[in-house]
Amino acid sequence: MSDFLTTWSAASSDGIFGEVFGLLDTAGTWAGALADLLGLL
C-alpha cells in the first residue's frame, strides 16, 4: 500500500500541477470571454 501511495504521489505531483494550471488557464479564458460578453450587453 505504501508503495502505491509513493508511486501515486510521485506521478501525480507533476500531473496535479499541470492540471491545476490547465484549469486556471481555462478559467481565465472563460472569465475573459464572459467579461467581453457582459461588455457587449
PDB file of N, CA and C in Angstrom:
ATOM      1  N   MET A   1       0.834  -1.203   0.000  1.00  0.00           N
ATOM      2  CA  MET A   1       0.000   0.000   0.000  1.00  0.00           C
ATOM      3  C   MET A   1       0.869   1.253   0.000  1.00  0.00           C
ATOM      4  N   SER A   2       1.920   1.258   0.806  1.00  0.00           N
ATOM      5  CA  SER A   2       2.775   2.442   0.860  1.00  0.00           C
ATOM      6  C   SER A   2       3.509   2.636  -0.468  1.00  0.00           C
ATOM      7  N   ASP A   3       3.846   1.534  -1.149  1.00  0.00           N
ATOM      8  CA  ASP A   3       4.480   1.657  -2.461  1.00  0.00           C
ATOM      9  C   ASP A   3       3.534   2.334  -3.446  1.00  0.00           C
ATOM     10  N   PHE A   4       2.281   1.960  -3.371  1.00  0.00           N
ATOM     11  CA  PHE A   4       1.285   2.563  -4.254  1.00  0.00           C
ATOM     12  C   PHE A   4       1.176   4.062  -3.986  1.00  0.00           C
ATOM     13  N   LEU A   5       1.110   4.433  -2.709  1.00  0.00           N
ATOM     14  CA  LEU A   5       0.983   5.848  -2.353  1.00  0.00           C
ATOM     15  C   LEU A   5       2.211   6.630  -2.795  1.00  0.00           C
ATOM     16  N   THR A   6       3.389   6.039  -2.609  1.00  0.00           N
ATOM     17  CA  THR A   6       4.626   6.712  -3.015  1.00  0.00           C
ATOM     18  C   THR A   6       4.647   6.924  -4.521  1.00  0.00           C
ATOM     19  N   THR A   7       4.298   5.883  -5.253  1.00  0.00           N
ATOM     20  CA  THR A   7       4.274   5.973  -6.714  1.00  0.00           C
ATOM     21  C   THR A   7       3.231   6.981  -7.171  1.00  0.00           C
ATOM     22  N   TRP A   8       2.057   6.931  -6.550  1.00  0.00           N
ATOM     23  CA  TRP A   8       0.974   7.820  -6.955  1.00  0.00           C
ATOM     24  C   TRP A   8       1.334   9.274  -6.681  1.00  0.00           C
ATOM     25  N   SER A   9       1.883   9.557  -5.507  1.00  0.00           N
ATOM     26  CA  SER A   9       2.213  10.945  -5.179  1.00  0.00           C
ATOM     27  C   SER A   9       3.345  11.450  -6.060  1.00  0.00           C
ATOM     28  N   ALA A  10       4.296  10.576  -6.393  1.00  0.00           N
ATOM     29  CA  ALA A  10       5.389  10.983  -7.275  1.00  0.00           C
ATOM     30  C   ALA A  10       4.867  11.249  -8.683  1.00  0.00           C
ATOM     31  N   ALA A  11       3.970  10.398  -9.149  1.00  0.00           N
ATOM     32  CA  ALA A  11       3.439  10.536 -10.507  1.00  0.00           C
ATOM     33  C   ALA A  11       2.459  11.697 -10.599  1.00  0.00           C
ATOM     34  N   SER A  12       1.692  11.922  -9.541  1.00  0.00           N
ATOM     35  CA  SER A  12       0.632  12.914  -9.610  1.00  0.00           C
ATOM     36  C   SER A  12       1.100  14.319  -9.260  1.00  0.00           C
ATOM     37  N   SER A  13       2.269  14.446  -8.636  1.00  0.00           N
ATOM     38  CA  SER A  13       2.714  15.789  -8.254  1.00  0.00           C
ATOM     39  C   SER A  13       2.823  16.677  -9.487  1.00  0.00           C
ATOM     40  N   ASP A  14       3.442  16.162 -10.561  1.00  0.00           N
ATOM     41  CA  ASP A  14       3.513  16.927 -11.802  1.00  0.00           C
ATOM     42  C   ASP A  14       2.144  17.010 -12.458  1.00  0.00           C
ATOM     43  N   GLY A  15       1.434  15.901 -12.469  1.00  0.00           N
ATOM     44  CA  GLY A  15       0.130  15.857 -13.118  1.00  0.00           C
ATOM     45  C   GLY A  15      -0.863  16.807 -12.480  1.00  0.00           C
ATOM     46  N   ILE A  16      -0.875  16.853 -11.155  1.00  0.00           N
ATOM     47  CA  ILE A  16      -1.809  17.737 -10.452  1.00  0.00           C
ATOM     48  C   ILE A  16      -1.490  19.196 -10.758  1.00  0.00           C
ATOM     49  N   PHE A  17      -0.192  19.549 -10.715  1.00  0.00           N
ATOM     50  CA  PHE A  17       0.162  20.936 -11.006  1.00  0.00           C
ATOM     51  C   PHE A  17      -0.194  21.289 -12.448  1.00  0.00           C
ATOM     52  N   GLY A  18       0.082  20.380 -13.355  1.00  0.00           N
ATOM     53  CA  GLY A  18      -0.262  20.624 -14.755  1.00  0.00           C
ATOM     54  C   GLY A  18      -1.757  20.794 -14.939  1.00  0.00           C
ATOM     55  N   GLU A  19      -2.514  19.960 -14.238  1.00  0.00           N
ATOM     56  CA  GLU A  19      -3.969  20.017 -14.356  1.00  0.00           C
ATOM     57  C   GLU A  19      -4.503  21.311 -13.758  1.00  0.00           C
ATOM     58  N   VAL A  20      -3.954  21.713 -12.607  1.00  0.00           N
ATOM     59  CA  VAL A  20      -4.398  22.955 -11.961  1.00  0.00           C
ATOM     60  C   VAL A  20      -4.098  24.148 -12.857  1.00  0.00           C
ATOM     61  N   PHE A  21      -2.884  24.188 -13.427  1.00  0.00           N
ATOM     62  CA  PHE A  21      -2.554  25.304 -14.303  1.00  0.00           C
ATOM     63  C   PHE A  21      -3.438  25.294 -15.551  1.00  0.00           C
ATOM     64  N   GLY A  22      -3.745  24.098 -16.041  1.00  0.00           N
ATOM     65  CA  GLY A  22      -4.644  23.993 -17.187  1.00  0.00           C
ATOM     66  C   GLY A  22      -6.031  24.513 -16.852  1.00  0.00           C
ATOM     67  N   LEU A  23      -6.513  24.168 -15.663  1.00  0.00           N
ATOM     68  CA  LEU A  23      -7.835  24.638 -15.232  1.00  0.00           C
ATOM     69  C   LEU A  23      -7.832  26.149 -15.042  1.00  0.00           C
ATOM     70  N   LEU A  24      -6.757  26.683 -14.466  1.00  0.00           N
ATOM     71  CA  LEU A  24      -6.666  28.129 -14.271  1.00  0.00           C
ATOM     72  C   LEU A  24      -6.649  28.836 -15.617  1.00  0.00           C
ATOM     73  N   ASP A  25      -5.915  28.266 -16.573  1.00  0.00           N
ATOM     74  CA  ASP A  25      -5.850  28.851 -17.902  1.00  0.00           C
ATOM     75  C   ASP A  25      -7.233  28.846 -18.545  1.00  0.00           C
ATOM     76  N   THR A  26      -7.937  27.725 -18.420  1.00  0.00           N
ATOM     77  CA  THR A  26      -9.292  27.622 -18.970  1.00  0.00           C
ATOM     78  C   THR A  26     -10.231  28.594 -18.269  1.00  0.00           C
ATOM     79  N   ALA A  27     -10.116  28.686 -16.947  1.00  0.00           N
ATOM     80  CA  ALA A  27     -10.968  29.601 -16.180  1.00  0.00           C
ATOM     81  C   ALA A  27     -10.697  31.040 -16.595  1.00  0.00           C
ATOM     82  N   GLY A  28      -9.437  31.372 -16.826  1.00  0.00           N
ATOM     83  CA  GLY A  28      -9.075  32.717 -17.266  1.00  0.00           C
ATOM     84  C   GLY A  28      -9.678  33.029 -18.627  1.00  0.00           C
ATOM     85  N   THR A  29      -9.651  32.041 -19.507  1.00  0.00           N
ATOM     86  CA  THR A  29     -10.232  32.214 -20.838  1.00  0.00           C
ATOM     87  C   THR A  29     -11.732  32.450 -20.738  1.00  0.00           C
ATOM     88  N   TRP A  30     -12.398  31.637 -19.909  1.00  0.00           N
ATOM     89  CA  TRP A  30     -13.843  31.790 -19.724  1.00  0.00           C
ATOM     90  C   TRP A  30     -14.166  33.132 -19.078  1.00  0.00           C
ATOM     91  N   ALA A  31     -13.359  33.548 -18.106  1.00  0.00           N
ATOM     92  CA  ALA A  31     -13.597  34.830 -17.435  1.00  0.00           C
ATOM     93  C   ALA A  31     -13.456  35.975 -18.426  1.00  0.00           C
ATOM     94  N   GLY A  32     -12.442  35.891 -19.291  1.00  0.00           N
ATOM     95  CA  GLY A  32     -12.250  36.923 -20.304  1.00  0.00           C
ATOM     96  C   GLY A  32     -13.410  36.966 -21.286  1.00  0.00           C
ATOM     97  N   ALA A  33     -13.874  35.790 -21.702  1.00  0.00           N
ATOM     98  CA  ALA A  33     -15.000  35.721 -22.634  1.00  0.00           C
ATOM     99  C   ALA A  33     -16.269  36.259 -21.988  1.00  0.00           C
ATOM    100  N   LEU A  34     -16.460  35.924 -20.724  1.00  0.00           N
ATOM    101  CA  LEU A  34     -17.638  36.403 -20.000  1.00  0.00           C
ATOM    102  C   LEU A  34     -17.587  37.922 -19.848  1.00  0.00           C
ATOM    103  N   ALA A  35     -16.408  38.458 -19.547  1.00  0.00           N
ATOM    104  CA  ALA A  35     -16.254  39.907 -19.417  1.00  0.00           C
ATOM    105  C   ALA A  35     -16.556  40.594 -20.750  1.00  0.00           C
ATOM    106  N   ASP A  36     -16.081  40.002 -21.853  1.00  0.00           N
ATOM    107  CA  ASP A  36     -16.370  40.564 -23.177  1.00  0.00           C
ATOM    108  C   ASP A  36     -17.870  40.536 -23.451  1.00  0.00           C
ATOM    109  N   LEU A  37     -18.500  39.421 -23.105  1.00  0.00           N
ATOM    110  CA  LEU A  37     -19.935  39.272 -23.339  1.00  0.00           C
ATOM    111  C   LEU A  37     -20.722  40.298 -22.526  1.00  0.00           C
ATOM    112  N   LEU A  38     -20.355  40.462 -21.257  1.00  0.00           N
ATOM    113  CA  LEU A  38     -21.038  41.444 -20.411  1.00  0.00           C
ATOM    114  C   LEU A  38     -20.784  42.857 -20.915  1.00  0.00           C
ATOM    115  N   GLY A  39     -19.611  43.089 -21.478  1.00  0.00           N
ATOM    116  CA  GLY A  39     -19.292  44.394 -22.034  1.00  0.00           C
ATOM    117  C   GLY A  39     -20.178  44.723 -23.230  1.00  0.00           C
ATOM    118  N   LEU A  40     -20.569  43.691 -23.979  1.00  0.00           N
ATOM    119  CA  LEU A  40     -21.440  43.896 -25.137  1.00  0.00           C
ATOM    120  C   LEU A  40     -22.866  44.199 -24.715  1.00  0.00           C
ATOM    121  N   LEU A  41     -23.275  43.679 -23.569  1.00  0.00           N
ATOM    122  CA  LEU A  41     -24.617  43.942 -23.067  1.00  0.00           C
ATOM    123  C   LEU A  41     -24.623  45.322 -22.472  1.00  0.00           C
TER     124      LEU A  41
END
